[in-house]
């Protein structure tokens, strides 16, 4: 028995398999569904890895900006002290 998340994943893989470009010279068509499945999972893992890296990089930049703004103070703090 397959779990709902497994069915969802299989539907996306099937959808991508059926929507492969047939006459594109840049992309090679994969006839074997099992080989396509391996390629699909590899590409999915790469996309998730890249997305996770970008999110972590943005989080670190945001924390750096927060630290810099808290050490320098905000404009409203300076205006209230006059």
PDB file of N, CA and C in Angstrom:
ATOM      1  N   UNK A   1       0.844  -1.176   0.000  1.00  0.00           N
ATOM      2  CA  UNK A   1       0.000   0.000   0.000  1.00  0.00           C
ATOM      3  C   UNK A   1       0.892   1.244   0.000  1.00  0.00           C
ATOM      4  N   UNK A   2       0.555   2.216  -0.821  1.00  0.00           N
ATOM      5  CA  UNK A   2       1.349   3.442  -0.886  1.00  0.00           C
ATOM      6  C   UNK A   2       0.728   4.511  -0.016  1.00  0.00           C
ATOM      7  N   UNK A   3       1.573   5.326   0.560  1.00  0.00           N
ATOM      8  CA  UNK A   3       1.094   6.414   1.401  1.00  0.00           C
ATOM      9  C   UNK A   3       0.649   7.575   0.525  1.00  0.00           C
ATOM     10  N   UNK A   4      -0.151   8.502   1.058  1.00  0.00           N
ATOM     11  CA  UNK A   4      -0.598   9.645   0.259  1.00  0.00           C
ATOM     12  C   UNK A   4       0.563  10.488  -0.285  1.00  0.00           C
ATOM     13  N   UNK A   5       1.630  10.672   0.508  1.00  0.00           N
ATOM     14  CA  UNK A   5       2.752  11.469   0.025  1.00  0.00           C
ATOM     15  C   UNK A   5       3.476  10.747  -1.108  1.00  0.00           C
ATOM     16  N   UNK A   6       3.545   9.435  -1.041  1.00  0.00           N
ATOM     17  CA  UNK A   6       4.176   8.644  -2.106  1.00  0.00           C
ATOM     18  C   UNK A   6       3.359   8.749  -3.398  1.00  0.00           C
ATOM     19  N   UNK A   7       2.023   8.688  -3.287  1.00  0.00           N
ATOM     20  CA  UNK A   7       1.163   8.840  -4.456  1.00  0.00           C
ATOM     21  C   UNK A   7       1.335  10.221  -5.072  1.00  0.00           C
ATOM     22  N   UNK A   8       1.410  11.232  -4.226  1.00  0.00           N
ATOM     23  CA  UNK A   8       1.586  12.609  -4.691  1.00  0.00           C
ATOM     24  C   UNK A   8       2.897  12.742  -5.453  1.00  0.00           C
ATOM     25  N   UNK A   9       3.964  12.162  -4.923  1.00  0.00           N
ATOM     26  CA  UNK A   9       5.268  12.198  -5.570  1.00  0.00           C
ATOM     27  C   UNK A   9       5.238  11.464  -6.902  1.00  0.00           C
ATOM     28  N   UNK A  10       4.576  10.315  -6.946  1.00  0.00           N
ATOM     29  CA  UNK A  10       4.477   9.551  -8.184  1.00  0.00           C
ATOM     30  C   UNK A  10       3.695  10.308  -9.249  1.00  0.00           C
ATOM     31  N   UNK A  11       2.664  11.034  -8.830  1.00  0.00           N
ATOM     32  CA  UNK A  11       1.890  11.818  -9.795  1.00  0.00           C
ATOM     33  C   UNK A  11       2.743  12.920 -10.415  1.00  0.00           C
ATOM     34  N   UNK A  12       3.565  13.581  -9.600  1.00  0.00           N
ATOM     35  CA  UNK A  12       4.443  14.609 -10.151  1.00  0.00           C
ATOM     36  C   UNK A  12       5.473  14.012 -11.098  1.00  0.00           C
ATOM     37  N   UNK A  13       6.030  12.861 -10.744  1.00  0.00           N
ATOM     38  CA  UNK A  13       7.004  12.202 -11.612  1.00  0.00           C
ATOM     39  C   UNK A  13       6.338  11.777 -12.918  1.00  0.00           C
ATOM     40  N   UNK A  14       5.140  11.234 -12.839  1.00  0.00           N
ATOM     41  CA  UNK A  14       4.414  10.827 -14.037  1.00  0.00           C
ATOM     42  C   UNK A  14       4.092  12.032 -14.914  1.00  0.00           C
ATOM     43  N   UNK A  15       3.666  13.118 -14.287  1.00  0.00           N
ATOM     44  CA  UNK A  15       3.348  14.339 -15.025  1.00  0.00           C
ATOM     45  C   UNK A  15       4.594  14.873 -15.753  1.00  0.00           C
ATOM     46  N   UNK A  16       5.709  14.905 -15.079  1.00  0.00           N
ATOM     47  CA  UNK A  16       6.945  15.369 -15.715  1.00  0.00           C
ATOM     48  C   UNK A  16       7.396  14.413 -16.811  1.00  0.00           C
ATOM     49  N   UNK A  17       7.194  13.121 -16.608  1.00  0.00           N
ATOM     50  CA  UNK A  17       7.557  12.132 -17.631  1.00  0.00           C
ATOM     51  C   UNK A  17       6.732  12.360 -18.898  1.00  0.00           C
ATOM     52  N   UNK A  18       5.446  12.568 -18.734  1.00  0.00           N
ATOM     53  CA  UNK A  18       4.569  12.760 -19.894  1.00  0.00           C
ATOM     54  C   UNK A  18       4.773  14.113 -20.570  1.00  0.00           C
ATOM     55  N   UNK A  19       5.299  15.079 -19.856  1.00  0.00           N
ATOM     56  CA  UNK A  19       5.501  16.414 -20.419  1.00  0.00           C
ATOM     57  C   UNK A  19       6.940  16.676 -20.862  1.00  0.00           C
ATOM     58  N   UNK A  20       7.693  15.641 -21.128  1.00  0.00           N
ATOM     59  CA  UNK A  20       9.055  15.821 -21.623  1.00  0.00           C
ATOM     60  C   UNK A  20       9.003  16.420 -23.033  1.00  0.00           C
ATOM     61  N   UNK A  21       9.915  17.314 -23.342  1.00  0.00           N
ATOM     62  CA  UNK A  21       9.955  17.857 -24.704  1.00  0.00           C
ATOM     63  C   UNK A  21      10.461  16.788 -25.683  1.00  0.00           C
ATOM     64  N   UNK A  22       9.686  16.553 -26.726  1.00  0.00           N
ATOM     65  CA  UNK A  22      10.039  15.500 -27.685  1.00  0.00           C
ATOM     66  C   UNK A  22      11.081  15.945 -28.706  1.00  0.00           C
ATOM     67  N   UNK A  23      10.949  17.155 -29.208  1.00  0.00           N
ATOM     68  CA  UNK A  23      11.780  17.584 -30.328  1.00  0.00           C
ATOM     69  C   UNK A  23      12.758  18.682 -29.943  1.00  0.00           C
ATOM     70  N   UNK A  24      13.191  18.672 -28.709  1.00  0.00           N
ATOM     71  CA  UNK A  24      14.156  19.662 -28.234  1.00  0.00           C
ATOM     72  C   UNK A  24      15.555  19.060 -28.306  1.00  0.00           C
ATOM     73  N   UNK A  25      16.460  19.733 -29.008  1.00  0.00           N
ATOM     74  CA  UNK A  25      17.821  19.229 -29.154  1.00  0.00           C
ATOM     75  C   UNK A  25      18.636  19.376 -27.874  1.00  0.00           C
ATOM     76  N   UNK A  26      18.249  20.290 -26.990  1.00  0.00           N
ATOM     77  CA  UNK A  26      18.994  20.530 -25.757  1.00  0.00           C
ATOM     78  C   UNK A  26      18.663  19.517 -24.659  1.00  0.00           C
ATOM     79  N   UNK A  27      17.484  18.943 -24.722  1.00  0.00           N
ATOM     80  CA  UNK A  27      17.038  18.012 -23.686  1.00  0.00           C
ATOM     81  C   UNK A  27      16.832  16.642 -24.326  1.00  0.00           C
ATOM     82  N   UNK A  28      17.414  15.643 -23.710  1.00  0.00           N
ATOM     83  CA  UNK A  28      17.285  14.285 -24.231  1.00  0.00           C
ATOM     84  C   UNK A  28      16.040  13.623 -23.660  1.00  0.00           C
ATOM     85  N   UNK A  29      15.240  13.047 -24.508  1.00  0.00           N
ATOM     86  CA  UNK A  29      14.022  12.359 -24.079  1.00  0.00           C
ATOM     87  C   UNK A  29      14.385  11.007 -23.473  1.00  0.00           C
ATOM     88  N   UNK A  30      13.797  10.672 -22.350  1.00  0.00           N
ATOM     89  CA  UNK A  30      14.055   9.394 -21.677  1.00  0.00           C
ATOM     90  C   UNK A  30      12.823   8.514 -21.877  1.00  0.00           C
ATOM     91  N   UNK A  31      12.999   7.418 -22.595  1.00  0.00           N
ATOM     92  CA  UNK A  31      11.884   6.535 -22.900  1.00  0.00           C
ATOM     93  C   UNK A  31      11.546   5.615 -21.729  1.00  0.00           C
ATOM     94  N   UNK A  32      12.546   5.182 -21.002  1.00  0.00           N
ATOM     95  CA  UNK A  32      12.341   4.236 -19.908  1.00  0.00           C
ATOM     96  C   UNK A  32      11.848   4.986 -18.669  1.00  0.00           C
ATOM     97  N   UNK A  33      10.628   4.679 -18.191  1.00  0.00           N
ATOM     98  CA  UNK A  33      10.091   5.380 -17.017  1.00  0.00           C
ATOM     99  C   UNK A  33      10.938   5.197 -15.761  1.00  0.00           C
ATOM    100  N   UNK A  34      11.584   4.050 -15.610  1.00  0.00           N
ATOM    101  CA  UNK A  34      12.397   3.819 -14.417  1.00  0.00           C
ATOM    102  C   UNK A  34      13.662   4.668 -14.442  1.00  0.00           C
ATOM    103  N   UNK A  35      14.273   4.792 -15.604  1.00  0.00           N
ATOM    104  CA  UNK A  35      15.436   5.672 -15.731  1.00  0.00           C
ATOM    105  C   UNK A  35      15.033   7.123 -15.531  1.00  0.00           C
ATOM    106  N   UNK A  36      13.864   7.477 -16.049  1.00  0.00           N
ATOM    107  CA  UNK A  36      13.370   8.840 -15.838  1.00  0.00           C
ATOM    108  C   UNK A  36      13.134   9.095 -14.355  1.00  0.00           C
ATOM    109  N   UNK A  37      12.627   8.098 -13.647  1.00  0.00           N
ATOM    110  CA  UNK A  37      12.363   8.243 -12.218  1.00  0.00           C
ATOM    111  C   UNK A  37      13.644   8.547 -11.448  1.00  0.00           C
ATOM    112  N   UNK A  38      14.728   7.862 -11.793  1.00  0.00           N
ATOM    113  CA  UNK A  38      16.015   8.109 -11.127  1.00  0.00           C
ATOM    114  C   UNK A  38      16.488   9.528 -11.427  1.00  0.00           C
ATOM    115  N   UNK A  39      16.393   9.922 -12.678  1.00  0.00           N
ATOM    116  CA  UNK A  39      16.792  11.277 -13.070  1.00  0.00           C
ATOM    117  C   UNK A  39      15.918  12.325 -12.391  1.00  0.00           C
ATOM    118  N   UNK A  40      14.620  12.054 -12.326  1.00  0.00           N
ATOM    119  CA  UNK A  40      13.677  12.982 -11.702  1.00  0.00           C
ATOM    120  C   UNK A  40      13.995  13.174 -10.222  1.00  0.00           C
ATOM    121  N   UNK A  41      14.257  12.088  -9.512  1.00  0.00           N
ATOM    122  CA  UNK A  41      14.580  12.186  -8.079  1.00  0.00           C
ATOM    123  C   UNK A  41      15.889  12.927  -7.839  1.00  0.00           C
ATOM    124  N   UNK A  42      16.865  12.695  -8.714  1.00  0.00           N
ATOM    125  CA  UNK A  42      18.148  13.387  -8.584  1.00  0.00           C
ATOM    126  C   UNK A  42      17.970  14.890  -8.778  1.00  0.00           C
ATOM    127  N   UNK A  43      17.232  15.260  -9.800  1.00  0.00           N
ATOM    128  CA  UNK A  43      16.991  16.688 -10.060  1.00  0.00           C
ATOM    129  C   UNK A  43      16.170  17.326  -8.946  1.00  0.00           C
ATOM    130  N   UNK A  44      15.198  16.581  -8.418  1.00  0.00           N
ATOM    131  CA  UNK A  44      14.390  17.088  -7.308  1.00  0.00           C
ATOM    132  C   UNK A  44      15.257  17.322  -6.074  1.00  0.00           C
ATOM    133  N   UNK A  45      16.150  16.388  -5.777  1.00  0.00           N
ATOM    134  CA  UNK A  45      17.054  16.548  -4.642  1.00  0.00           C
ATOM    135  C   UNK A  45      17.958  17.757  -4.832  1.00  0.00           C
ATOM    136  N   UNK A  46      18.470  17.962  -6.054  1.00  0.00           N
ATOM    137  CA  UNK A  46      19.319  19.125  -6.332  1.00  0.00           C
ATOM    138  C   UNK A  46      18.547  20.432  -6.147  1.00  0.00           C
ATOM    139  N   UNK A  47      17.293  20.455  -6.623  1.00  0.00           N
ATOM    140  CA  UNK A  47      16.480  21.673  -6.462  1.00  0.00           C
ATOM    141  C   UNK A  47      16.205  21.967  -4.992  1.00  0.00           C
ATOM    142  N   UNK A  48      15.887  20.929  -4.234  1.00  0.00           N
ATOM    143  CA  UNK A  48      15.622  21.112  -2.796  1.00  0.00           C
ATOM    144  C   UNK A  48      16.886  21.559  -2.067  1.00  0.00           C
ATOM    145  N   UNK A  49      18.014  20.990  -2.409  1.00  0.00           N
ATOM    146  CA  UNK A  49      19.294  21.347  -1.790  1.00  0.00           C
ATOM    147  C   UNK A  49      19.611  22.814  -2.074  1.00  0.00           C
ATOM    148  N   UNK A  50      19.432  23.229  -3.333  1.00  0.00           N
ATOM    149  CA  UNK A  50      19.697  24.613  -3.718  1.00  0.00           C
ATOM    150  C   UNK A  50      18.754  25.561  -2.998  1.00  0.00           C
ATOM    151  N   UNK A  51      17.488  25.211  -2.939  1.00  0.00           N
ATOM    152  CA  UNK A  51      16.500  26.061  -2.270  1.00  0.00           C
ATOM    153  C   UNK A  51      16.830  26.204  -0.791  1.00  0.00           C
ATOM    154  N   UNK A  52      17.218  25.111  -0.144  1.00  0.00           N
ATOM    155  CA  UNK A  52      17.586  25.142   1.266  1.00  0.00           C
ATOM    156  C   UNK A  52      18.814  26.026   1.483  1.00  0.00           C
ATOM    157  N   UNK A  53      19.782  25.934   0.570  1.00  0.00           N
ATOM    158  CA  UNK A  53      20.991  26.756   0.667  1.00  0.00           C
ATOM    159  C   UNK A  53      20.641  28.240   0.546  1.00  0.00           C
ATOM    160  N   UNK A  54      19.778  28.587  -0.400  1.00  0.00           N
ATOM    161  CA  UNK A  54      19.404  29.988  -0.603  1.00  0.00           C
ATOM    162  C   UNK A  54      18.644  30.516   0.608  1.00  0.00           C
ATOM    163  N   UNK A  55      17.759  29.714   1.169  1.00  0.00           N
ATOM    164  CA  UNK A  55      17.002  30.136   2.349  1.00  0.00           C
ATOM    165  C   UNK A  55      17.943  30.370   3.524  1.00  0.00           C
ATOM    166  N   UNK A  56      18.886  29.461   3.743  1.00  0.00           N
ATOM    167  CA  UNK A  56      19.836  29.610   4.843  1.00  0.00           C
ATOM    168  C   UNK A  56      20.718  30.838   4.634  1.00  0.00           C
ATOM    169  N   UNK A  57      21.136  31.081   3.403  1.00  0.00           N
ATOM    170  CA  UNK A  57      21.964  32.254   3.101  1.00  0.00           C
ATOM    171  C   UNK A  57      21.181  33.539   3.380  1.00  0.00           C
ATOM    172  N   UNK A  58      19.926  33.594   2.973  1.00  0.00           N
ATOM    173  CA  UNK A  58      19.098  34.777   3.227  1.00  0.00           C
ATOM    174  C   UNK A  58      18.859  34.978   4.721  1.00  0.00           C
ATOM    175  N   UNK A  59      18.682  33.872   5.454  1.00  0.00           N
ATOM    176  CA  UNK A  59      18.468  33.975   6.907  1.00  0.00           C
ATOM    177  C   UNK A  59      19.709  34.555   7.584  1.00  0.00           C
ATOM    178  N   UNK A  60      20.889  34.113   7.161  1.00  0.00           N
ATOM    179  CA  UNK A  60      22.122  34.631   7.742  1.00  0.00           C
ATOM    180  C   UNK A  60      22.307  36.110   7.429  1.00  0.00           C
ATOM    181  N   UNK A  61      21.977  36.520   6.211  1.00  0.00           N
ATOM    182  CA  UNK A  61      22.074  37.936   5.852  1.00  0.00           C
ATOM    183  C   UNK A  61      21.110  38.764   6.687  1.00  0.00           C
ATOM    184  N   UNK A  62      19.897  38.263   6.884  1.00  0.00           N
ATOM    185  CA  UNK A  62      18.908  38.977   7.678  1.00  0.00           C
ATOM    186  C   UNK A  62      19.369  39.129   9.123  1.00  0.00           C
ATOM    187  N   UNK A  63      19.943  38.082   9.703  1.00  0.00           N
ATOM    188  CA  UNK A  63      20.457  38.184  11.065  1.00  0.00           C
ATOM    189  C   UNK A  63      21.605  39.181  11.151  1.00  0.00           C
ATOM    190  N   UNK A  64      22.448  39.224  10.137  1.00  0.00           N
ATOM    191  CA  UNK A  64      23.539  40.184  10.106  1.00  0.00           C
ATOM    192  C   UNK A  64      22.994  41.612  10.064  1.00  0.00           C
ATOM    193  N   UNK A  65      21.988  41.854   9.238  1.00  0.00           N
ATOM    194  CA  UNK A  65      21.378  43.186   9.170  1.00  0.00           C
ATOM    195  C   UNK A  65      20.725  43.568  10.495  1.00  0.00           C
ATOM    196  N   UNK A  66      20.063  42.607  11.146  1.00  0.00           N
ATOM    197  CA  UNK A  66      19.436  42.879  12.436  1.00  0.00           C
ATOM    198  C   UNK A  66      20.489  43.260  13.477  1.00  0.00           C
ATOM    199  N   UNK A  67      21.599  42.527  13.493  1.00  0.00           N
ATOM    200  CA  UNK A  67      22.672  42.856  14.435  1.00  0.00           C
ATOM    201  C   UNK A  67      23.228  44.240  14.170  1.00  0.00           C
ATOM    202  N   UNK A  68      23.456  44.568  12.908  1.00  0.00           N
ATOM    203  CA  UNK A  68      23.990  45.885  12.561  1.00  0.00           C
ATOM    204  C   UNK A  68      23.010  46.998  12.906  1.00  0.00           C
ATOM    205  N   UNK A  69      21.719  46.790  12.689  1.00  0.00           N
ATOM    206  CA  UNK A  69      20.746  47.830  12.989  1.00  0.00           C
ATOM    207  C   UNK A  69      20.573  48.002  14.497  1.00  0.00           C
ATOM    208  N   UNK A  70      20.724  46.922  15.253  1.00  0.00           N
ATOM    209  CA  UNK A  70      20.561  47.045  16.701  1.00  0.00           C
ATOM    210  C   UNK A  70      21.786  47.711  17.335  1.00  0.00           C
ATOM    211  N   UNK A  71      22.972  47.568  16.771  1.00  0.00           N
ATOM    212  CA  UNK A  71      24.159  48.196  17.338  1.00  0.00           C
ATOM    213  C   UNK A  71      24.226  49.680  16.979  1.00  0.00           C
ATOM    214  N   UNK A  72      23.698  50.043  15.820  1.00  0.00           N
ATOM    215  CA  UNK A  72      23.729  51.432  15.398  1.00  0.00           C
ATOM    216  C   UNK A  72      22.511  52.222  15.872  1.00  0.00           C
ATOM    217  N   UNK A  73      21.482  51.545  16.289  1.00  0.00           N
ATOM    218  CA  UNK A  73      20.277  52.219  16.735  1.00  0.00           C
ATOM    219  C   UNK A  73      19.416  52.617  15.562  1.00  0.00           C
ATOM    220  N   UNK A  74      18.155  52.838  15.816  1.00  0.00           N
ATOM    221  CA  UNK A  74      17.248  53.224  14.736  1.00  0.00           C
ATOM    222  C   UNK A  74      17.100  54.729  14.702  1.00  0.00           C
ATOM    223  N   UNK A  75      16.507  55.216  13.651  1.00  0.00           N
ATOM    224  CA  UNK A  75      16.321  56.658  13.482  1.00  0.00           C
ATOM    225  C   UNK A  75      15.362  57.220  14.535  1.00  0.00           C
ATOM    226  N   UNK A  76      14.370  56.441  14.942  1.00  0.00           N
ATOM    227  CA  UNK A  76      13.410  56.944  15.934  1.00  0.00           C
ATOM    228  C   UNK A  76      14.083  57.130  17.289  1.00  0.00           C
ATOM    229  N   UNK A  77      15.071  56.326  17.633  1.00  0.00           N
ATOM    230  CA  UNK A  77      15.801  56.492  18.895  1.00  0.00           C
ATOM    231  C   UNK A  77      16.575  57.796  18.902  1.00  0.00           C
ATOM    232  N   UNK A  78      17.188  58.137  17.800  1.00  0.00           N
ATOM    233  CA  UNK A  78      17.979  59.367  17.710  1.00  0.00           C
ATOM    234  C   UNK A  78      17.084  60.606  17.736  1.00  0.00           C
ATOM    235  N   UNK A  79      15.917  60.506  17.111  1.00  0.00           N
ATOM    236  CA  UNK A  79      15.013  61.660  17.078  1.00  0.00           C
ATOM    237  C   UNK A  79      14.426  61.915  18.455  1.00  0.00           C
ATOM    238  N   UNK A  80      14.176  60.880  19.243  1.00  0.00           N
ATOM    239  CA  UNK A  80      13.581  61.044  20.555  1.00  0.00           C
ATOM    240  C   UNK A  80      14.558  61.608  21.581  1.00  0.00           C
ATOM    241  N   UNK A  81      15.849  61.521  21.341  1.00  0.00           N
ATOM    242  CA  UNK A  81      16.815  61.984  22.337  1.00  0.00           C
ATOM    243  C   UNK A  81      17.112  63.472  22.204  1.00  0.00           C
ATOM    244  N   UNK A  82      16.666  64.121  21.129  1.00  0.00           N
ATOM    245  CA  UNK A  82      16.932  65.563  20.960  1.00  0.00           C
ATOM    246  C   UNK A  82      16.130  66.420  21.860  1.00  0.00           C
TER     247      UNK A  82
END
